[in-house]
Amino acid sequence: MHPMINSGLMTIEDLADYLKVTRRTIYDWLKHNKIPALKLVGQWRFKKDKIDAWLENQSQPH
């Protein structure tokens, strides 16, 4: 497992790998505020617990 993921913070690359999507998809979600993210020193980071909660939410029928 990637050390970044163990610390709970993921990069765009980590997240793309984790969600099995392309980085382009992640950037698209960021652009439309679809995904919980933090911007640290100009770099996007994602908290694993927030992503997991967001995924749970996505799977609920709307």
N, C-alpha and C. Protein backbone atom coordinates (compact mmCIF):
# COMPACT_ATOMS: atom_id res chain seq x y z
N MET A 1 0.84 -1.20 0.00
CA MET A 1 0.00 0.00 0.00
C MET A 1 0.87 1.25 0.00
N HIS A 2 0.43 2.29 -0.65
CA HIS A 2 1.17 3.54 -0.76
C HIS A 2 1.27 4.20 0.61
N PRO A 3 2.46 4.66 1.03
CA PRO A 3 2.61 5.28 2.36
C PRO A 3 1.71 6.50 2.57
N MET A 4 1.46 7.27 1.50
CA MET A 4 0.61 8.44 1.59
C MET A 4 -0.81 8.04 2.03
N ILE A 5 -1.28 6.92 1.51
CA ILE A 5 -2.63 6.46 1.82
C ILE A 5 -2.70 6.06 3.30
N ASN A 6 -1.64 5.44 3.82
CA ASN A 6 -1.62 5.04 5.23
C ASN A 6 -1.72 6.25 6.16
N SER A 7 -1.15 7.38 5.75
CA SER A 7 -1.21 8.57 6.59
C SER A 7 -2.57 9.25 6.44
N GLY A 8 -3.41 8.76 5.53
CA GLY A 8 -4.75 9.31 5.38
C GLY A 8 -4.86 10.40 4.33
N LEU A 9 -3.71 10.86 3.80
CA LEU A 9 -3.74 11.90 2.77
C LEU A 9 -3.27 11.33 1.44
N MET A 10 -4.05 11.58 0.40
CA MET A 10 -3.70 11.07 -0.92
C MET A 10 -3.47 12.20 -1.90
N THR A 11 -2.61 11.95 -2.85
CA THR A 11 -2.41 12.88 -3.97
C THR A 11 -3.43 12.53 -5.05
N ILE A 12 -3.47 13.33 -6.10
CA ILE A 12 -4.36 13.03 -7.22
C ILE A 12 -4.03 11.66 -7.81
N GLU A 13 -2.73 11.36 -7.92
CA GLU A 13 -2.31 10.05 -8.45
C GLU A 13 -2.82 8.91 -7.56
N ASP A 14 -2.64 9.09 -6.24
CA ASP A 14 -3.10 8.07 -5.29
C ASP A 14 -4.60 7.85 -5.42
N LEU A 15 -5.32 8.96 -5.50
CA LEU A 15 -6.78 8.88 -5.56
C LEU A 15 -7.25 8.23 -6.85
N ALA A 16 -6.62 8.59 -7.95
CA ALA A 16 -6.98 7.99 -9.24
C ALA A 16 -6.79 6.48 -9.18
N ASP A 17 -5.69 6.08 -8.57
CA ASP A 17 -5.38 4.66 -8.40
C ASP A 17 -6.40 3.98 -7.48
N TYR A 18 -6.70 4.64 -6.38
CA TYR A 18 -7.63 4.11 -5.38
C TYR A 18 -9.04 3.94 -5.95
N LEU A 19 -9.48 4.94 -6.73
CA LEU A 19 -10.85 4.90 -7.28
C LEU A 19 -10.91 4.23 -8.65
N LYS A 20 -9.73 3.88 -9.19
CA LYS A 20 -9.66 3.26 -10.52
C LYS A 20 -10.27 4.16 -11.60
N VAL A 21 -9.93 5.45 -11.52
CA VAL A 21 -10.35 6.40 -12.54
C VAL A 21 -9.11 7.14 -13.04
N THR A 22 -9.27 7.93 -14.08
CA THR A 22 -8.13 8.68 -14.60
C THR A 22 -7.95 9.98 -13.81
N ARG A 23 -6.76 10.54 -13.91
CA ARG A 23 -6.51 11.83 -13.25
C ARG A 23 -7.40 12.89 -13.86
N ARG A 24 -7.69 12.75 -15.14
CA ARG A 24 -8.57 13.70 -15.82
C ARG A 24 -9.95 13.74 -15.16
N THR A 25 -10.45 12.56 -14.77
CA THR A 25 -11.74 12.47 -14.07
C THR A 25 -11.68 13.21 -12.74
N ILE A 26 -10.58 13.01 -12.00
CA ILE A 26 -10.42 13.69 -10.71
C ILE A 26 -10.42 15.20 -10.91
N TYR A 27 -9.66 15.69 -11.90
CA TYR A 27 -9.62 17.12 -12.17
C TYR A 27 -11.00 17.65 -12.53
N ASP A 28 -11.76 16.86 -13.27
CA ASP A 28 -13.11 17.26 -13.65
C ASP A 28 -13.99 17.39 -12.40
N TRP A 29 -13.89 16.41 -11.50
CA TRP A 29 -14.65 16.45 -10.24
C TRP A 29 -14.25 17.66 -9.41
N LEU A 30 -12.95 17.96 -9.37
CA LEU A 30 -12.46 19.11 -8.61
C LEU A 30 -13.05 20.40 -9.18
N LYS A 31 -13.05 20.49 -10.50
CA LYS A 31 -13.55 21.68 -11.18
C LYS A 31 -15.02 21.93 -10.84
N HIS A 32 -15.78 20.86 -10.67
CA HIS A 32 -17.21 20.99 -10.39
C HIS A 32 -17.54 20.77 -8.91
N ASN A 33 -16.51 20.84 -8.06
CA ASN A 33 -16.69 20.66 -6.61
C ASN A 33 -17.47 19.40 -6.25
N LYS A 34 -17.18 18.32 -6.96
CA LYS A 34 -17.92 17.08 -6.72
C LYS A 34 -17.28 16.20 -5.66
N ILE A 35 -16.03 16.49 -5.32
CA ILE A 35 -15.29 15.58 -4.45
C ILE A 35 -14.64 16.36 -3.31
N PRO A 36 -14.66 15.81 -2.09
CA PRO A 36 -14.03 16.54 -0.97
C PRO A 36 -12.51 16.58 -1.13
N ALA A 37 -11.94 17.79 -1.08
CA ALA A 37 -10.50 17.94 -1.30
C ALA A 37 -9.94 19.07 -0.44
N LEU A 38 -8.64 19.01 -0.21
CA LEU A 38 -7.92 20.08 0.49
C LEU A 38 -6.87 20.61 -0.45
N LYS A 39 -6.62 21.91 -0.41
CA LYS A 39 -5.51 22.42 -1.20
C LYS A 39 -4.41 22.83 -0.25
N LEU A 40 -3.28 22.12 -0.31
CA LEU A 40 -2.13 22.41 0.54
C LEU A 40 -0.98 22.89 -0.32
N VAL A 41 -0.51 24.08 -0.03
CA VAL A 41 0.61 24.67 -0.79
C VAL A 41 0.43 24.47 -2.29
N GLY A 42 -0.75 24.79 -2.78
CA GLY A 42 -1.00 24.70 -4.21
C GLY A 42 -1.17 23.29 -4.75
N GLN A 43 -1.17 22.31 -3.86
CA GLN A 43 -1.32 20.91 -4.29
C GLN A 43 -2.62 20.35 -3.73
N TRP A 44 -3.34 19.61 -4.55
CA TRP A 44 -4.56 18.97 -4.06
C TRP A 44 -4.23 17.74 -3.24
N ARG A 45 -4.92 17.59 -2.10
CA ARG A 45 -4.79 16.39 -1.27
C ARG A 45 -6.19 15.93 -0.89
N PHE A 46 -6.31 14.64 -0.64
CA PHE A 46 -7.61 14.06 -0.35
C PHE A 46 -7.49 13.21 0.91
N LYS A 47 -8.43 13.39 1.83
CA LYS A 47 -8.43 12.59 3.06
C LYS A 47 -9.19 11.30 2.79
N LYS A 48 -8.54 10.18 3.08
CA LYS A 48 -9.14 8.89 2.77
C LYS A 48 -10.51 8.70 3.43
N ASP A 49 -10.64 9.11 4.69
CA ASP A 49 -11.93 8.92 5.36
C ASP A 49 -13.04 9.75 4.70
N LYS A 50 -12.69 10.96 4.26
CA LYS A 50 -13.68 11.80 3.57
C LYS A 50 -14.06 11.20 2.22
N ILE A 51 -13.07 10.64 1.52
CA ILE A 51 -13.33 10.00 0.23
C ILE A 51 -14.22 8.78 0.43
N ASP A 52 -13.92 7.99 1.46
CA ASP A 52 -14.73 6.80 1.74
C ASP A 52 -16.18 7.19 2.06
N ALA A 53 -16.36 8.25 2.84
CA ALA A 53 -17.71 8.73 3.18
C ALA A 53 -18.41 9.23 1.91
N TRP A 54 -17.67 9.95 1.06
CA TRP A 54 -18.21 10.46 -0.20
C TRP A 54 -18.66 9.30 -1.10
N LEU A 55 -17.83 8.23 -1.14
CA LEU A 55 -18.17 7.05 -1.94
C LEU A 55 -19.47 6.40 -1.43
N GLU A 56 -19.59 6.30 -0.11
CA GLU A 56 -20.82 5.75 0.48
C GLU A 56 -22.02 6.54 0.01
N ASN A 57 -21.87 7.86 0.03
CA ASN A 57 -22.92 8.77 -0.39
C ASN A 57 -23.31 8.58 -1.84
N GLN A 58 -22.31 8.37 -2.69
CA GLN A 58 -22.54 8.19 -4.13
C GLN A 58 -23.37 6.95 -4.40
N SER A 59 -23.21 5.95 -3.54
CA SER A 59 -23.89 4.68 -3.81
C SER A 59 -25.34 4.67 -3.28
N GLN A 60 -25.73 5.73 -2.56
CA GLN A 60 -27.12 5.81 -2.08
C GLN A 60 -28.01 6.22 -3.25
N PRO A 61 -29.20 5.64 -3.34
CA PRO A 61 -30.13 6.11 -4.38
C PRO A 61 -30.58 7.53 -4.06
N HIS A 62 -30.57 8.41 -5.06
CA HIS A 62 -30.94 9.83 -4.82
C HIS A 62 -32.42 10.04 -4.98
